[in-house]
C-alpha atoms as a PDB file:
ATOM      1  CA  MET A   1     -67.088  35.066-130.082  1.00  0.00           C
ATOM      2  CA  MET A   2     -66.274  37.790-132.581  1.00  0.00           C
ATOM      3  CA  TYR A   3     -69.503  39.713-132.969  1.00  0.00           C
ATOM      4  CA  GLY A   4     -69.205  42.881-134.990  1.00  0.00           C
ATOM      5  CA  TYR A   5     -65.882  42.037-136.629  1.00  0.00           C
ATOM      6  CA  GLY A   6     -65.549  41.598-140.380  1.00  0.00           C
ATOM      7  CA  PRO A   7     -67.969  42.277-143.198  1.00  0.00           C
ATOM      8  CA  GLY A   8     -70.586  39.748-142.155  1.00  0.00           C
ATOM      9  CA  MET A   9     -72.676  37.280-144.122  1.00  0.00           C
ATOM     10  CA  GLY A  10     -74.787  39.957-145.863  1.00  0.00           C
ATOM     11  CA  TRP A  11     -71.786  41.473-147.600  1.00  0.00           C
ATOM     12  CA  MET A  12     -70.586  38.063-148.783  1.00  0.00           C
ATOM     13  CA  ILE A  13     -73.975  37.339-150.350  1.00  0.00           C
ATOM     14  CA  LEU A  14     -74.092  40.806-151.919  1.00  0.00           C
ATOM     15  CA  MET A  15     -70.607  40.442-153.420  1.00  0.00           C
ATOM     16  CA  THR A  16     -71.512  37.009-154.802  1.00  0.00           C
ATOM     17  CA  ILE A  17     -74.550  38.505-156.530  1.00  0.00           C
ATOM     18  CA  VAL A  18     -72.460  41.411-157.871  1.00  0.00           C
ATOM     19  CA  TRP A  19     -69.912  38.996-159.363  1.00  0.00           C
ATOM     20  CA  ILE A  20     -72.622  36.827-160.930  1.00  0.00           C
ATOM     21  CA  VAL A  21     -74.222  39.900-162.538  1.00  0.00           C
ATOM     22  CA  LEU A  22     -70.842  41.187-163.724  1.00  0.00           C
ATOM     23  CA  ILE A  23     -69.850  37.861-165.301  1.00  0.00           C
ATOM     24  CA  GLY A  24     -73.309  37.577-166.886  1.00  0.00           C
ATOM     25  CA  ALA A  25     -72.953  41.056-168.403  1.00  0.00           C
ATOM     26  CA  VAL A  26     -69.543  40.202-169.849  1.00  0.00           C
ATOM     27  CA  VAL A  27     -70.875  36.966-171.383  1.00  0.00           C
ATOM     28  CA  TRP A  28     -73.915  38.801-172.806  1.00  0.00           C
ATOM     29  CA  ALA A  29     -71.689  41.498-174.340  1.00  0.00           C
ATOM     30  CA  ALA A  30     -69.344  38.905-175.846  1.00  0.00           C
ATOM     31  CA  LEU A  31     -72.249  37.048-177.447  1.00  0.00           C
ATOM     32  CA  ARG A  32     -73.680  40.287-178.790  1.00  0.00           C
ATOM     33  CA  VAL A  33     -70.338  41.252-180.353  1.00  0.00           C
ATOM     34  CA  ALA A  34     -69.940  37.756-181.817  1.00  0.00           C
ATOM     35  CA  ARG A  35     -73.376  37.959-183.474  1.00  0.00           C
ATOM     36  CA  THR A  36     -72.570  41.384-184.903  1.00  0.00           C
ATOM     37  CA  LEU A  37     -69.263  40.180-186.317  1.00  0.00           C
ATOM     38  CA  GLU A  38     -70.956  37.093-187.746  1.00  0.00           C
ATOM     39  CA  ARG A  39     -73.348  39.264-189.748  1.00  0.00           C
ATOM     40  CA  GLY A  40     -70.536  41.296-191.210  1.00  0.00           C
ATOM     41  CA  ASP A  41     -70.077  45.019-191.427  1.00  0.00           C
ATOM     42  CA  ARG A  42     -73.618  45.912-192.408  1.00  0.00           C
ATOM     43  CA  GLY A  43     -75.066  45.134-188.968  1.00  0.00           C
ATOM     44  CA  ARG A  44     -78.682  45.089-190.199  1.00  0.00           C
ATOM     45  CA  ASP A  45     -80.529  42.963-192.707  1.00  0.00           C
ATOM     46  CA  THR A  46     -81.332  44.576-196.015  1.00  0.00           C
ATOM     47  CA  ALA A  47     -84.808  44.537-197.498  1.00  0.00           C
ATOM     48  CA  GLU A  48     -83.685  41.811-199.902  1.00  0.00           C
ATOM     49  CA  ASP A  49     -82.476  39.662-196.994  1.00  0.00           C
ATOM     50  CA  ILE A  50     -85.803  40.008-195.200  1.00  0.00           C
ATOM     51  CA  LEU A  51     -87.729  39.251-198.372  1.00  0.00           C
ATOM     52  CA  ALA A  52     -85.637  36.157-199.101  1.00  0.00           C
ATOM     53  CA  ARG A  53     -86.053  34.917-195.524  1.00  0.00           C
ATOM     54  CA  ARG A  54     -89.833  35.359-195.664  1.00  0.00           C
ATOM     55  CA  PHE A  55     -89.946  33.466-198.976  1.00  0.00           C
ATOM     56  CA  ALA A  56     -87.788  30.668-197.560  1.00  0.00           C
ATOM     57  CA  LYS A  57     -90.073  30.357-194.511  1.00  0.00           C
ATOM     58  CA  GLY A  58     -93.130  30.125-196.760  1.00  0.00           C
ATOM     59  CA  GLU A  59     -94.704  33.343-195.510  1.00  0.00           C
ATOM     60  CA  ILE A  60     -95.072  34.596-199.095  1.00  0.00           C
ATOM     61  CA  ASP A  61     -95.488  32.748-202.376  1.00  0.00           C
ATOM     62  CA  ALA A  62     -93.316  32.973-205.493  1.00  0.00           C
ATOM     63  CA  ALA A  63     -95.529  35.577-207.197  1.00  0.00           C
ATOM     64  CA  ALA A  64     -95.446  37.905-204.190  1.00  0.00           C
ATOM     65  CA  TYR A  65     -91.681  37.378-203.866  1.00  0.00           C
ATOM     66  CA  ASP A  66     -91.061  38.245-207.531  1.00  0.00           C
ATOM     67  CA  GLU A  67     -93.315  41.305-207.356  1.00  0.00           C
ATOM     68  CA  ALA A  68     -91.674  42.622-204.180  1.00  0.00           C
ATOM     69  CA  ARG A  69     -88.192  42.006-205.575  1.00  0.00           C
ATOM     70  CA  GLU A  70     -89.063  43.911-208.747  1.00  0.00           C
ATOM     71  CA  ARG A  71     -90.414  46.824-206.683  1.00  0.00           C
ATOM     72  CA  LEU A  72     -87.212  46.937-204.659  1.00  0.00           C
ATOM     73  CA  GLU A  73     -85.122  46.983-207.844  1.00  0.00           C
ATOM     74  CA  ARG A  74     -87.253  49.767-209.357  1.00  0.00           C
ATOM     75  CA  GLY A  75     -86.956  51.782-206.169  1.00  0.00           C
ATOM     76  CA  ARG A  76     -83.185  51.354-206.133  1.00  0.00           C
ATOM     77  CA  ARG A  77     -82.903  52.446-209.800  1.00  0.00           C
ATOM     78  CA  ALA A  78     -85.091  55.521-209.159  1.00  0.00           C
ATOM     79  CA  ARG A  79     -82.651  56.922-206.595  1.00  0.00           C
END
């Protein structure tokens, strides 16, 4: 019998969990970077993008879409 020699079963379980967490973090980071690159350099949606998406989903009707788009254009020209 070799009691007291070696790292023991607890350390093997701990190291397995550490590796699983580490690999999961690398995969999460890679997916996050891929999504950012997919969107392009801007990184965030513009107000026009959000408005168009809401119109496409049916959250707003055509009149509300046209009015909001006109307001955005007026606000951009005022700057």
